Amino acid sequence: MPRISFFYGIVITMYFYDHEPPHFHAQYAEQHAVIMIESDEVLVGELPTRALKLVLEWADLHRGELEAAWECVKSGGTPEPIDPLP
């Protein structure tokens, strides 16, 4: 499971050969959420409100890179790291 970004204690990952729809995983402490790339919808889990806001801000800034990372891991490749929030 490649870690593609890390900021403010939040780890962003994607799984190799993962299922549709395109999504990423965000973990903050012991909490975890699966978030759709296209719509920012939380599919599974939850994060504290502040952490979720940061993740969604980051995702909005890097949507194209997230889509490219999804295509890469879907075929078993290792995606490029994505810059964290400043």
PDB file of N, CA and C in Angstrom:
ATOM      1  N   MET A   1       0.849  -1.166   0.000  1.00  0.00           N
ATOM      2  CA  MET A   1       0.000   0.000   0.000  1.00  0.00           C
ATOM      3  C   MET A   1       0.898   1.233   0.000  1.00  0.00           C
ATOM      4  N   PRO A   2       1.032   1.885  -1.140  1.00  0.00           N
ATOM      5  CA  PRO A   2       1.902   3.063  -1.215  1.00  0.00           C
ATOM      6  C   PRO A   2       1.354   4.260  -0.436  1.00  0.00           C
ATOM      7  N   ARG A   3       2.241   4.863   0.325  1.00  0.00           N
ATOM      8  CA  ARG A   3       1.917   6.126   0.993  1.00  0.00           C
ATOM      9  C   ARG A   3       2.217   7.224  -0.009  1.00  0.00           C
ATOM     10  N   ILE A   4       1.210   8.012  -0.372  1.00  0.00           N
ATOM     11  CA  ILE A   4       1.425   9.016  -1.405  1.00  0.00           C
ATOM     12  C   ILE A   4       1.595  10.420  -0.853  1.00  0.00           C
ATOM     13  N   SER A   5       1.165  10.638   0.403  1.00  0.00           N
ATOM     14  CA  SER A   5       1.373  11.954   1.006  1.00  0.00           C
ATOM     15  C   SER A   5       1.235  11.851   2.520  1.00  0.00           C
ATOM     16  N   PHE A   6       1.776  12.856   3.199  1.00  0.00           N
ATOM     17  CA  PHE A   6       1.713  12.923   4.662  1.00  0.00           C
ATOM     18  C   PHE A   6       1.754  14.387   5.060  1.00  0.00           C
ATOM     19  N   PHE A   7       0.791  14.824   5.854  1.00  0.00           N
ATOM     20  CA  PHE A   7       0.759  16.211   6.328  1.00  0.00           C
ATOM     21  C   PHE A   7      -0.072  16.294   7.598  1.00  0.00           C
ATOM     22  N   TYR A   8       0.365  17.109   8.522  1.00  0.00           N
ATOM     23  CA  TYR A   8      -0.346  17.361   9.786  1.00  0.00           C
ATOM     24  C   TYR A   8      -0.788  16.080  10.489  1.00  0.00           C
ATOM     25  N   GLY A   9       0.034  15.055  10.424  1.00  0.00           N
ATOM     26  CA  GLY A   9      -0.287  13.788  11.071  1.00  0.00           C
ATOM     27  C   GLY A   9      -1.241  12.906  10.286  1.00  0.00           C
ATOM     28  N   ILE A  10      -1.593  13.306   9.071  1.00  0.00           N
ATOM     29  CA  ILE A  10      -2.525  12.556   8.227  1.00  0.00           C
ATOM     30  C   ILE A  10      -1.726  11.798   7.168  1.00  0.00           C
ATOM     31  N   VAL A  11      -1.980  10.509   7.055  1.00  0.00           N
ATOM     32  CA  VAL A  11      -1.313   9.662   6.067  1.00  0.00           C
ATOM     33  C   VAL A  11      -2.313   9.358   4.950  1.00  0.00           C
ATOM     34  N   ILE A  12      -1.901   9.609   3.713  1.00  0.00           N
ATOM     35  CA  ILE A  12      -2.735   9.330   2.546  1.00  0.00           C
ATOM     36  C   ILE A  12      -2.111   8.149   1.800  1.00  0.00           C
ATOM     37  N   THR A  13      -2.931   7.117   1.536  1.00  0.00           N
ATOM     38  CA  THR A  13      -2.453   5.909   0.865  1.00  0.00           C
ATOM     39  C   THR A  13      -3.454   5.454  -0.196  1.00  0.00           C
ATOM     40  N   MET A  14      -2.969   4.563  -1.046  1.00  0.00           N
ATOM     41  CA  MET A  14      -3.808   3.831  -1.995  1.00  0.00           C
ATOM     42  C   MET A  14      -3.332   2.384  -1.983  1.00  0.00           C
ATOM     43  N   TYR A  15      -4.258   1.471  -2.231  1.00  0.00           N
ATOM     44  CA  TYR A  15      -3.921   0.053  -2.280  1.00  0.00           C
ATOM     45  C   TYR A  15      -3.674  -0.379  -3.724  1.00  0.00           C
ATOM     46  N   PHE A  16      -2.718  -1.290  -3.914  1.00  0.00           N
ATOM     47  CA  PHE A  16      -2.486  -1.878  -5.229  1.00  0.00           C
ATOM     48  C   PHE A  16      -3.725  -2.663  -5.663  1.00  0.00           C
ATOM     49  N   TYR A  17      -4.066  -2.588  -6.951  1.00  0.00           N
ATOM     50  CA  TYR A  17      -5.157  -3.366  -7.549  1.00  0.00           C
ATOM     51  C   TYR A  17      -6.485  -3.178  -6.807  1.00  0.00           C
ATOM     52  N   ASP A  18      -6.768  -1.983  -6.317  1.00  0.00           N
ATOM     53  CA  ASP A  18      -7.966  -1.749  -5.515  1.00  0.00           C
ATOM     54  C   ASP A  18      -9.211  -1.695  -6.397  1.00  0.00           C
ATOM     55  N   HIS A  19     -10.369  -1.806  -5.768  1.00  0.00           N
ATOM     56  CA  HIS A  19     -11.670  -1.824  -6.436  1.00  0.00           C
ATOM     57  C   HIS A  19     -12.129  -0.419  -6.814  1.00  0.00           C
ATOM     58  N   GLU A  20     -13.040  -0.341  -7.758  1.00  0.00           N
ATOM     59  CA  GLU A  20     -13.682   0.918  -8.141  1.00  0.00           C
ATOM     60  C   GLU A  20     -14.687   1.285  -7.047  1.00  0.00           C
ATOM     61  N   PRO A  21     -15.088   2.502  -6.925  1.00  0.00           N
ATOM     62  CA  PRO A  21     -14.708   3.694  -7.663  1.00  0.00           C
ATOM     63  C   PRO A  21     -13.335   4.192  -7.225  1.00  0.00           C
ATOM     64  N   PRO A  22     -12.695   5.029  -8.031  1.00  0.00           N
ATOM     65  CA  PRO A  22     -11.390   5.583  -7.663  1.00  0.00           C
ATOM     66  C   PRO A  22     -11.463   6.306  -6.310  1.00  0.00           C
ATOM     67  N   HIS A  23     -10.548   5.943  -5.414  1.00  0.00           N
ATOM     68  CA  HIS A  23     -10.572   6.494  -4.069  1.00  0.00           C
ATOM     69  C   HIS A  23      -9.181   6.443  -3.449  1.00  0.00           C
ATOM     70  N   PHE A  24      -9.058   7.080  -2.306  1.00  0.00           N
ATOM     71  CA  PHE A  24      -7.828   7.001  -1.520  1.00  0.00           C
ATOM     72  C   PHE A  24      -8.204   6.816  -0.059  1.00  0.00           C
ATOM     73  N   HIS A  25      -7.217   6.434   0.728  1.00  0.00           N
ATOM     74  CA  HIS A  25      -7.408   6.197   2.154  1.00  0.00           C
ATOM     75  C   HIS A  25      -6.697   7.302   2.926  1.00  0.00           C
ATOM     76  N   ALA A  26      -7.346   7.813   3.952  1.00  0.00           N
ATOM     77  CA  ALA A  26      -6.754   8.827   4.819  1.00  0.00           C
ATOM     78  C   ALA A  26      -6.823   8.314   6.252  1.00  0.00           C
ATOM     79  N   GLN A  27      -5.691   8.378   6.938  1.00  0.00           N
ATOM     80  CA  GLN A  27      -5.651   7.934   8.328  1.00  0.00           C
ATOM     81  C   GLN A  27      -5.098   9.045   9.195  1.00  0.00           C
ATOM     82  N   TYR A  28      -5.775   9.279  10.306  1.00  0.00           N
ATOM     83  CA  TYR A  28      -5.331  10.261  11.291  1.00  0.00           C
ATOM     84  C   TYR A  28      -5.466   9.594  12.647  1.00  0.00           C
ATOM     85  N   ALA A  29      -4.330   9.379  13.313  1.00  0.00           N
ATOM     86  CA  ALA A  29      -4.299   8.623  14.574  1.00  0.00           C
ATOM     87  C   ALA A  29      -4.950   7.267  14.328  1.00  0.00           C
ATOM     88  N   GLU A  30      -5.960   6.906  15.110  1.00  0.00           N
ATOM     89  CA  GLU A  30      -6.596   5.594  14.948  1.00  0.00           C
ATOM     90  C   GLU A  30      -7.818   5.641  14.031  1.00  0.00           C
ATOM     91  N   GLN A  31      -8.128   6.805  13.473  1.00  0.00           N
ATOM     92  CA  GLN A  31      -9.303   6.929  12.610  1.00  0.00           C
ATOM     93  C   GLN A  31      -8.911   6.866  11.138  1.00  0.00           C
ATOM     94  N   HIS A  32      -9.818   6.310  10.345  1.00  0.00           N
ATOM     95  CA  HIS A  32      -9.535   6.023   8.944  1.00  0.00           C
ATOM     96  C   HIS A  32     -10.775   6.316   8.113  1.00  0.00           C
ATOM     97  N   ALA A  33     -10.574   6.857   6.905  1.00  0.00           N
ATOM     98  CA  ALA A  33     -11.680   7.089   5.979  1.00  0.00           C
ATOM     99  C   ALA A  33     -11.238   6.754   4.563  1.00  0.00           C
ATOM    100  N   VAL A  34     -12.185   6.286   3.775  1.00  0.00           N
ATOM    101  CA  VAL A  34     -11.989   6.027   2.348  1.00  0.00           C
ATOM    102  C   VAL A  34     -12.766   7.112   1.611  1.00  0.00           C
ATOM    103  N   ILE A  35     -12.069   7.860   0.738  1.00  0.00           N
ATOM    104  CA  ILE A  35     -12.657   9.044   0.114  1.00  0.00           C
ATOM    105  C   ILE A  35     -12.582   8.925  -1.403  1.00  0.00           C
ATOM    106  N   MET A  36     -13.719   9.169  -2.072  1.00  0.00           N
ATOM    107  CA  MET A  36     -13.764   9.143  -3.533  1.00  0.00           C
ATOM    108  C   MET A  36     -12.965  10.317  -4.091  1.00  0.00           C
ATOM    109  N   ILE A  37     -12.188  10.054  -5.126  1.00  0.00           N
ATOM    110  CA  ILE A  37     -11.364  11.095  -5.735  1.00  0.00           C
ATOM    111  C   ILE A  37     -12.235  12.127  -6.449  1.00  0.00           C
ATOM    112  N   GLU A  38     -13.212  11.676  -7.197  1.00  0.00           N
ATOM    113  CA  GLU A  38     -14.003  12.578  -8.027  1.00  0.00           C
ATOM    114  C   GLU A  38     -14.891  13.526  -7.226  1.00  0.00           C
ATOM    115  N   SER A  39     -15.491  13.029  -6.141  1.00  0.00           N
ATOM    116  CA  SER A  39     -16.512  13.819  -5.456  1.00  0.00           C
ATOM    117  C   SER A  39     -16.189  14.203  -4.019  1.00  0.00           C
ATOM    118  N   ASP A  40     -15.096  13.725  -3.463  1.00  0.00           N
ATOM    119  CA  ASP A  40     -14.739  13.951  -2.055  1.00  0.00           C
ATOM    120  C   ASP A  40     -15.722  13.287  -1.091  1.00  0.00           C
ATOM    121  N   GLU A  41     -16.558  12.397  -1.586  1.00  0.00           N
ATOM    122  CA  GLU A  41     -17.499  11.688  -0.722  1.00  0.00           C
ATOM    123  C   GLU A  41     -16.748  10.676   0.139  1.00  0.00           C
ATOM    124  N   VAL A  42     -17.069  10.638   1.429  1.00  0.00           N
ATOM    125  CA  VAL A  42     -16.501   9.636   2.323  1.00  0.00           C
ATOM    126  C   VAL A  42     -17.316   8.358   2.132  1.00  0.00           C
ATOM    127  N   LEU A  43     -16.649   7.313   1.634  1.00  0.00           N
ATOM    128  CA  LEU A  43     -17.316   6.042   1.362  1.00  0.00           C
ATOM    129  C   LEU A  43     -17.440   5.186   2.606  1.00  0.00           C
ATOM    130  N   VAL A  44     -16.366   5.167   3.407  1.00  0.00           N
ATOM    131  CA  VAL A  44     -16.308   4.314   4.589  1.00  0.00           C
ATOM    132  C   VAL A  44     -15.501   5.043   5.651  1.00  0.00           C
ATOM    133  N   GLY A  45     -15.883   4.883   6.894  1.00  0.00           N
ATOM    134  CA  GLY A  45     -15.108   5.413   8.004  1.00  0.00           C
ATOM    135  C   GLY A  45     -15.388   6.879   8.278  1.00  0.00           C
ATOM    136  N   GLU A  46     -14.514   7.438   9.121  1.00  0.00           N
ATOM    137  CA  GLU A  46     -14.648   8.851   9.474  1.00  0.00           C
ATOM    138  C   GLU A  46     -13.332   9.380  10.009  1.00  0.00           C
ATOM    139  N   LEU A  47     -13.204  10.693   9.924  1.00  0.00           N
ATOM    140  CA  LEU A  47     -12.060  11.418  10.475  1.00  0.00           C
ATOM    141  C   LEU A  47     -12.612  12.555  11.327  1.00  0.00           C
ATOM    142  N   PRO A  48     -11.805  13.057  12.261  1.00  0.00           N
ATOM    143  CA  PRO A  48     -12.234  14.255  12.978  1.00  0.00           C
ATOM    144  C   PRO A  48     -12.504  15.378  11.966  1.00  0.00           C
ATOM    145  N   THR A  49     -13.432  16.257  12.292  1.00  0.00           N
ATOM    146  CA  THR A  49     -13.849  17.318  11.378  1.00  0.00           C
ATOM    147  C   THR A  49     -12.677  18.103  10.825  1.00  0.00           C
ATOM    148  N   ARG A  50     -11.761  18.533  11.674  1.00  0.00           N
ATOM    149  CA  ARG A  50     -10.612  19.333  11.235  1.00  0.00           C
ATOM    150  C   ARG A  50      -9.737  18.543  10.266  1.00  0.00           C
ATOM    151  N   ALA A  51      -9.457  17.293  10.585  1.00  0.00           N
ATOM    152  CA  ALA A  51      -8.626  16.454   9.715  1.00  0.00           C
ATOM    153  C   ALA A  51      -9.307  16.238   8.371  1.00  0.00           C
ATOM    154  N   LEU A  52     -10.613  15.990   8.373  1.00  0.00           N
ATOM    155  CA  LEU A  52     -11.337  15.782   7.119  1.00  0.00           C
ATOM    156  C   LEU A  52     -11.291  17.041   6.260  1.00  0.00           C
ATOM    157  N   LYS A  53     -11.456  18.204   6.857  1.00  0.00           N
ATOM    158  CA  LYS A  53     -11.374  19.462   6.096  1.00  0.00           C
ATOM    159  C   LYS A  53     -10.017  19.611   5.433  1.00  0.00           C
ATOM    160  N   LEU A  54      -8.945  19.268   6.155  1.00  0.00           N
ATOM    161  CA  LEU A  54      -7.596  19.346   5.591  1.00  0.00           C
ATOM    162  C   LEU A  54      -7.430  18.360   4.435  1.00  0.00           C
ATOM    163  N   VAL A  55      -7.935  17.159   4.611  1.00  0.00           N
ATOM    164  CA  VAL A  55      -7.829  16.144   3.553  1.00  0.00           C
ATOM    165  C   VAL A  55      -8.583  16.594   2.308  1.00  0.00           C
ATOM    166  N   LEU A  56      -9.779  17.129   2.476  1.00  0.00           N
ATOM    167  CA  LEU A  56     -10.563  17.556   1.319  1.00  0.00           C
ATOM    168  C   LEU A  56      -9.935  18.763   0.640  1.00  0.00           C
ATOM    169  N   GLU A  57      -9.345  19.670   1.404  1.00  0.00           N
ATOM    170  CA  GLU A  57      -8.627  20.807   0.815  1.00  0.00           C
ATOM    171  C   GLU A  57      -7.455  20.297  -0.025  1.00  0.00           C
ATOM    172  N   TRP A  58      -6.694  19.368   0.546  1.00  0.00           N
ATOM    173  CA  TRP A  58      -5.563  18.773  -0.151  1.00  0.00           C
ATOM    174  C   TRP A  58      -6.025  18.068  -1.429  1.00  0.00           C
ATOM    175  N   ALA A  59      -7.106  17.284  -1.332  1.00  0.00           N
ATOM    176  CA  ALA A  59      -7.605  16.538  -2.496  1.00  0.00           C
ATOM    177  C   ALA A  59      -8.036  17.489  -3.614  1.00  0.00           C
ATOM    178  N   ASP A  60      -8.670  18.595  -3.258  1.00  0.00           N
ATOM    179  CA  ASP A  60      -9.082  19.569  -4.270  1.00  0.00           C
ATOM    180  C   ASP A  60      -7.882  20.150  -5.009  1.00  0.00           C
ATOM    181  N   LEU A  61      -6.794  20.364  -4.289  1.00  0.00           N
ATOM    182  CA  LEU A  61      -5.577  20.917  -4.895  1.00  0.00           C
ATOM    183  C   LEU A  61      -4.865  19.913  -5.800  1.00  0.00           C
ATOM    184  N   HIS A  62      -5.049  18.636  -5.536  1.00  0.00           N
ATOM    185  CA  HIS A  62      -4.257  17.598  -6.211  1.00  0.00           C
ATOM    186  C   HIS A  62      -5.106  16.563  -6.955  1.00  0.00           C
ATOM    187  N   ARG A  63      -6.299  16.951  -7.385  1.00  0.00           N
ATOM    188  CA  ARG A  63      -7.217  15.999  -8.019  1.00  0.00           C
ATOM    189  C   ARG A  63      -6.582  15.290  -9.220  1.00  0.00           C
ATOM    190  N   GLY A  64      -5.926  16.018 -10.089  1.00  0.00           N
ATOM    191  CA  GLY A  64      -5.290  15.397 -11.255  1.00  0.00           C
ATOM    192  C   GLY A  64      -4.212  14.401 -10.863  1.00  0.00           C
ATOM    193  N   GLU A  65      -3.422  14.746  -9.875  1.00  0.00           N
ATOM    194  CA  GLU A  65      -2.377  13.832  -9.401  1.00  0.00           C
ATOM    195  C   GLU A  65      -2.973  12.595  -8.747  1.00  0.00           C
ATOM    196  N   LEU A  66      -4.083  12.766  -8.021  1.00  0.00           N
ATOM    197  CA  LEU A  66      -4.757  11.617  -7.417  1.00  0.00           C
ATOM    198  C   LEU A  66      -5.302  10.680  -8.482  1.00  0.00           C
ATOM    199  N   GLU A  67      -5.871  11.242  -9.541  1.00  0.00           N
ATOM    200  CA  GLU A  67      -6.379  10.408 -10.631  1.00  0.00           C
ATOM    201  C   GLU A  67      -5.247   9.632 -11.291  1.00  0.00           C
ATOM    202  N   ALA A  68      -4.109  10.281 -11.494  1.00  0.00           N
ATOM    203  CA  ALA A  68      -2.949   9.596 -12.084  1.00  0.00           C
ATOM    204  C   ALA A  68      -2.423   8.504 -11.147  1.00  0.00           C
ATOM    205  N   ALA A  69      -2.388   8.794  -9.857  1.00  0.00           N
ATOM    206  CA  ALA A  69      -1.936   7.800  -8.873  1.00  0.00           C
ATOM    207  C   ALA A  69      -2.868   6.594  -8.864  1.00  0.00           C
ATOM    208  N   TRP A  70      -4.178   6.845  -8.963  1.00  0.00           N
ATOM    209  CA  TRP A  70      -5.150   5.740  -9.011  1.00  0.00           C
ATOM    210  C   TRP A  70      -4.879   4.837 -10.213  1.00  0.00           C
ATOM    211  N   GLU A  71      -4.681   5.423 -11.367  1.00  0.00           N
ATOM    212  CA  GLU A  71      -4.413   4.624 -12.566  1.00  0.00           C
ATOM    213  C   GLU A  71      -3.133   3.808 -12.388  1.00  0.00           C
ATOM    214  N   CYS A  72      -2.158   4.390 -11.744  1.00  0.00           N
ATOM    215  CA  CYS A  72      -0.884   3.703 -11.524  1.00  0.00           C
ATOM    216  C   CYS A  72      -1.056   2.503 -10.587  1.00  0.00           C
ATOM    217  N   VAL A  73      -1.665   2.704  -9.423  1.00  0.00           N
ATOM    218  CA  VAL A  73      -1.798   1.599  -8.466  1.00  0.00           C
ATOM    219  C   VAL A  73      -2.800   0.550  -8.938  1.00  0.00           C
ATOM    220  N   LYS A  74      -3.772   0.960  -9.741  1.00  0.00           N
ATOM    221  CA  LYS A  74      -4.758   0.010 -10.257  1.00  0.00           C
ATOM    222  C   LYS A  74      -4.073  -1.068 -11.090  1.00  0.00           C
ATOM    223  N   SER A  75      -2.967  -0.698 -11.732  1.00  0.00           N
ATOM    224  CA  SER A  75      -2.241  -1.671 -12.545  1.00  0.00           C
ATOM    225  C   SER A  75      -1.013  -2.229 -11.816  1.00  0.00           C
ATOM    226  N   GLY A  76      -0.894  -1.950 -10.514  1.00  0.00           N
ATOM    227  CA  GLY A  76       0.186  -2.520  -9.718  1.00  0.00           C
ATOM    228  C   GLY A  76       1.439  -1.680  -9.653  1.00  0.00           C
ATOM    229  N   GLY A  77       1.405  -0.476 -10.234  1.00  0.00           N
ATOM    230  CA  GLY A  77       2.579   0.392 -10.199  1.00  0.00           C
ATOM    231  C   GLY A  77       2.659   1.205  -8.917  1.00  0.00           C
ATOM    232  N   THR A  78       3.796   1.831  -8.725  1.00  0.00           N
ATOM    233  CA  THR A  78       4.006   2.693  -7.561  1.00  0.00           C
ATOM    234  C   THR A  78       3.842   4.143  -7.988  1.00  0.00           C
ATOM    235  N   PRO A  79       2.883   4.852  -7.396  1.00  0.00           N
ATOM    236  CA  PRO A  79       2.628   6.232  -7.815  1.00  0.00           C
ATOM    237  C   PRO A  79       3.689   7.196  -7.300  1.00  0.00           C
ATOM    238  N   GLU A  80       3.764   8.335  -7.955  1.00  0.00           N
ATOM    239  CA  GLU A  80       4.636   9.402  -7.507  1.00  0.00           C
ATOM    240  C   GLU A  80       4.078   9.998  -6.217  1.00  0.00           C
ATOM    241  N   PRO A  81       4.939  10.439  -5.307  1.00  0.00           N
ATOM    242  CA  PRO A  81       4.452  11.134  -4.113  1.00  0.00           C
ATOM    243  C   PRO A  81       3.737  12.428  -4.520  1.00  0.00           C
ATOM    244  N   ILE A  82       2.768  12.823  -3.718  1.00  0.00           N
ATOM    245  CA  ILE A  82       2.034  14.064  -3.948  1.00  0.00           C
ATOM    246  C   ILE A  82       2.365  15.026  -2.820  1.00  0.00           C
ATOM    247  N   ASP A  83       2.656  16.264  -3.175  1.00  0.00           N
ATOM    248  CA  ASP A  83       3.040  17.262  -2.183  1.00  0.00           C
ATOM    249  C   ASP A  83       1.991  17.388  -1.086  1.00  0.00           C
ATOM    250  N   PRO A  84       2.440  17.602   0.148  1.00  0.00           N
ATOM    251  CA  PRO A  84       1.512  17.812   1.257  1.00  0.00           C
ATOM    252  C   PRO A  84       0.936  19.233   1.212  1.00  0.00           C
ATOM    253  N   LEU A  85       0.007  19.498   2.104  1.00  0.00           N
ATOM    254  CA  LEU A  85      -0.456  20.877   2.276  1.00  0.00           C
ATOM    255  C   LEU A  85       0.697  21.699   2.827  1.00  0.00           C
ATOM    256  N   PRO A  86       0.789  22.954   2.417  1.00  0.00           N
ATOM    257  CA  PRO A  86       1.885  23.793   2.938  1.00  0.00           C
ATOM    258  C   PRO A  86       1.677  24.141   4.409  1.00  0.00           C
TER     259      PRO A  86
END
